[in-house]
Amino acid sequence: MLKPALSKLRKGQRPAGARGKPGGVGKTPGAWRNKLNAKDRASYDKLQNAMNASAGRSASQIRSGLSNTQIQNGQKHPWLRSMYVGTEIEKDTARRVARDTNISHLGASNPGKAVPDFQIGGKHNVDITGGSASSTRTHMNRPYYHHPDQILSYPTIPKTKLEDIFR
């Protein structure tokens, strides 16, 4: 008798991320992007290319975009390194797409409130993040995302590269 009650409780709990949202699992990659109009799709592709170029920079190039305070804190607290590098990748990506008036960099425009990193065409929200499953889940759990295409991810920065950045 106890086992069915427990299994019902388990079924009633919703996991975090895409699986926790209706229709969040099994969405076809590229489907959201392909529904964008041509102008928005071009901006989406430009944003993805800019993010890839930004994430692919050398350790010294990424380091040059960090403040002295970020470098010092990253040296003292290694768990902050990925966050600082991710913020720098976002800022550099924004610089690379600044001429595209169809892309708005919202970033931390509303302190204390979660906002998308970027908005395309004034209505399509897109975030960029590292490639870990937990990072993607965290982003997909935000109320302004409903398809994995809205999360552009770069490969996780290797520990050795993080060490070089914060040397």
Protein backbone atom coordinates (compact mmCIF):
# COMPACT_ATOMS: atom_id res chain seq x y z
CA MET A 1 0.00 0.00 0.00
CA LEU A 2 2.81 2.41 0.77
CA LYS A 3 4.63 1.83 -2.48
CA PRO A 4 1.83 3.11 -4.81
CA ALA A 5 1.48 6.23 -2.68
CA LEU A 6 5.20 6.92 -3.00
CA SER A 7 5.18 6.32 -6.74
CA LYS A 8 2.31 8.79 -7.14
CA LEU A 9 4.31 11.36 -5.21
CA ARG A 10 7.28 10.81 -7.48
CA LYS A 11 5.13 11.22 -10.59
CA GLY A 12 3.70 14.44 -9.19
CA GLN A 13 7.09 16.05 -8.71
CA ARG A 14 8.40 17.99 -11.67
CA PRO A 15 12.12 17.95 -12.29
CA ALA A 16 13.97 21.20 -12.92
CA GLY A 17 14.73 22.44 -16.38
CA ALA A 18 13.23 21.47 -19.70
CA ARG A 19 11.74 18.28 -18.30
CA GLY A 20 9.79 20.36 -15.78
CA LYS A 21 7.95 22.33 -18.44
CA PRO A 22 5.13 21.05 -20.58
CA GLY A 23 6.59 19.84 -23.84
CA GLY A 24 10.13 20.47 -22.59
CA VAL A 25 11.47 17.05 -23.48
CA GLY A 26 12.03 15.81 -26.97
CA LYS A 27 11.83 19.15 -28.73
CA THR A 28 13.46 18.94 -32.11
CA PRO A 29 16.80 20.77 -32.23
CA GLY A 30 16.59 23.68 -34.63
CA ALA A 31 12.77 23.80 -34.64
CA TRP A 32 12.54 27.06 -32.69
CA ARG A 33 15.29 28.70 -34.78
CA ASN A 34 13.68 27.57 -38.02
CA LYS A 35 10.40 29.26 -37.07
CA LEU A 36 12.11 32.66 -36.90
CA ASN A 37 11.72 34.98 -39.85
CA ALA A 38 14.75 35.39 -42.12
CA LYS A 39 16.02 38.56 -40.42
CA ASP A 40 15.73 37.09 -36.91
CA ARG A 41 17.29 33.79 -38.04
CA ALA A 42 20.27 35.71 -39.50
CA SER A 43 20.68 37.58 -36.20
CA TYR A 44 20.43 34.30 -34.25
CA ASP A 45 23.16 32.79 -36.42
CA LYS A 46 25.30 35.91 -36.02
CA LEU A 47 24.88 35.68 -32.24
CA GLN A 48 25.87 32.02 -32.24
CA ASN A 49 28.94 32.67 -34.39
CA ALA A 50 29.98 35.59 -32.17
CA MET A 51 29.62 33.43 -29.05
CA ASN A 52 31.70 30.65 -30.60
CA ALA A 53 34.43 33.12 -31.58
CA SER A 54 34.38 34.68 -28.12
CA ALA A 55 34.55 31.35 -26.30
CA GLY A 56 37.38 30.21 -28.60
CA ARG A 57 39.70 33.04 -27.60
CA SER A 58 43.01 32.30 -25.91
CA ALA A 59 43.42 32.43 -22.14
CA SER A 60 45.30 35.74 -22.37
CA GLN A 61 42.60 37.28 -24.58
CA ILE A 62 39.87 36.28 -22.12
CA ARG A 63 41.99 37.46 -19.18
CA SER A 64 42.37 40.91 -20.77
CA GLY A 65 38.59 41.37 -20.52
CA LEU A 66 38.46 40.62 -16.79
CA SER A 67 38.85 43.27 -14.09
CA ASN A 68 41.69 43.08 -11.57
CA THR A 69 39.09 42.36 -8.88
CA GLN A 70 37.70 39.41 -10.88
CA ILE A 71 41.20 38.01 -11.42
CA GLN A 72 42.06 38.36 -7.72
CA ASN A 73 38.77 36.81 -6.62
CA GLY A 74 39.19 33.98 -9.13
CA GLN A 75 42.66 33.28 -7.75
CA LYS A 76 41.32 33.13 -4.19
CA HIS A 77 38.06 31.36 -4.99
CA PRO A 78 38.42 28.93 -7.92
CA TRP A 79 34.66 28.17 -7.98
CA LEU A 80 34.07 31.73 -9.26
CA ARG A 81 36.28 31.29 -12.32
CA SER A 82 33.70 29.78 -14.69
CA MET A 83 31.17 32.46 -13.76
CA TYR A 84 33.64 35.28 -14.43
CA VAL A 85 34.72 33.77 -17.73
CA GLY A 86 31.09 33.24 -18.74
CA THR A 87 30.33 36.88 -18.01
CA GLU A 88 33.31 37.95 -20.10
CA ILE A 89 32.20 35.70 -22.98
CA GLU A 90 28.74 37.28 -22.83
CA LYS A 91 30.19 40.82 -22.85
CA ASP A 92 32.56 40.03 -25.71
CA THR A 93 29.73 38.40 -27.66
CA ALA A 94 27.66 41.56 -27.17
CA ARG A 95 30.54 43.68 -28.52
CA ARG A 96 30.79 41.44 -31.57
CA VAL A 97 27.08 41.77 -32.45
CA ALA A 98 26.67 45.43 -31.43
CA ARG A 99 26.20 46.57 -35.04
CA ASP A 100 23.22 44.28 -35.53
CA THR A 101 20.33 46.51 -34.48
CA ASN A 102 18.06 43.46 -34.43
CA ILE A 103 19.93 42.08 -31.38
CA SER A 104 19.59 43.72 -27.96
CA HIS A 105 22.00 42.85 -25.16
CA LEU A 106 19.91 42.87 -21.99
CA GLY A 107 22.43 41.12 -19.75
CA ALA A 108 22.14 42.49 -16.24
CA SER A 109 20.04 45.48 -17.34
CA ASN A 110 17.61 45.04 -14.44
CA PRO A 111 19.65 44.39 -11.27
CA GLY A 112 17.90 41.92 -9.00
CA LYS A 113 15.68 40.60 -11.79
CA ALA A 114 16.43 37.73 -14.11
CA VAL A 115 16.48 38.87 -17.72
CA PRO A 116 17.60 37.13 -20.91
CA ASP A 117 21.15 37.79 -22.07
CA PHE A 118 19.95 38.80 -25.53
CA GLN A 119 16.73 39.51 -27.34
CA ILE A 120 16.34 39.14 -31.10
CA GLY A 121 13.76 41.12 -33.02
CA GLY A 122 12.43 42.65 -29.81
CA LYS A 123 10.73 39.41 -28.73
CA HIS A 124 12.92 36.29 -29.02
CA ASN A 125 14.91 35.63 -25.83
CA VAL A 126 18.31 33.92 -26.04
CA ASP A 127 20.89 33.12 -23.35
CA ILE A 128 24.46 31.98 -23.73
CA THR A 129 26.07 29.65 -21.23
CA GLY A 130 28.69 26.99 -20.73
CA GLY A 131 27.95 23.53 -22.01
CA SER A 132 27.30 21.65 -18.77
CA ALA A 133 23.97 19.87 -18.39
CA SER A 134 23.33 21.65 -15.08
CA SER A 135 23.85 25.06 -16.68
CA THR A 136 21.43 24.26 -19.48
CA ARG A 137 18.86 22.94 -16.96
CA THR A 138 19.18 26.08 -14.85
CA HIS A 139 18.62 28.31 -17.89
CA MET A 140 15.70 26.25 -19.21
CA ASN A 141 14.01 26.58 -15.83
CA ARG A 142 13.70 30.34 -16.30
CA PRO A 143 10.19 31.47 -17.22
CA TYR A 144 11.20 33.20 -20.45
CA TYR A 145 12.56 30.05 -22.12
CA HIS A 146 10.55 27.23 -23.63
CA HIS A 147 12.87 25.61 -26.20
CA PRO A 148 16.50 24.44 -25.97
CA ASP A 149 17.35 26.45 -29.12
CA GLN A 150 17.01 29.56 -26.97
CA ILE A 151 20.09 28.49 -25.01
CA LEU A 152 23.31 28.85 -27.00
CA SER A 153 26.08 26.95 -25.29
CA TYR A 154 29.83 26.93 -25.71
CA PRO A 155 32.02 24.02 -24.62
CA THR A 156 32.88 23.96 -20.93
CA ILE A 157 36.14 25.81 -20.39
CA PRO A 158 38.78 23.24 -19.37
CA LYS A 159 40.27 23.55 -15.90
CA THR A 160 43.75 24.05 -17.36
CA LYS A 161 42.54 27.04 -19.40
CA LEU A 162 40.79 28.51 -16.34
CA GLU A 163 44.07 28.14 -14.44
CA ASP A 164 45.91 29.99 -17.24
CA ILE A 165 43.32 32.79 -17.22
CA PHE A 166 43.60 33.26 -13.44
CA ARG A 167 47.37 32.64 -13.08
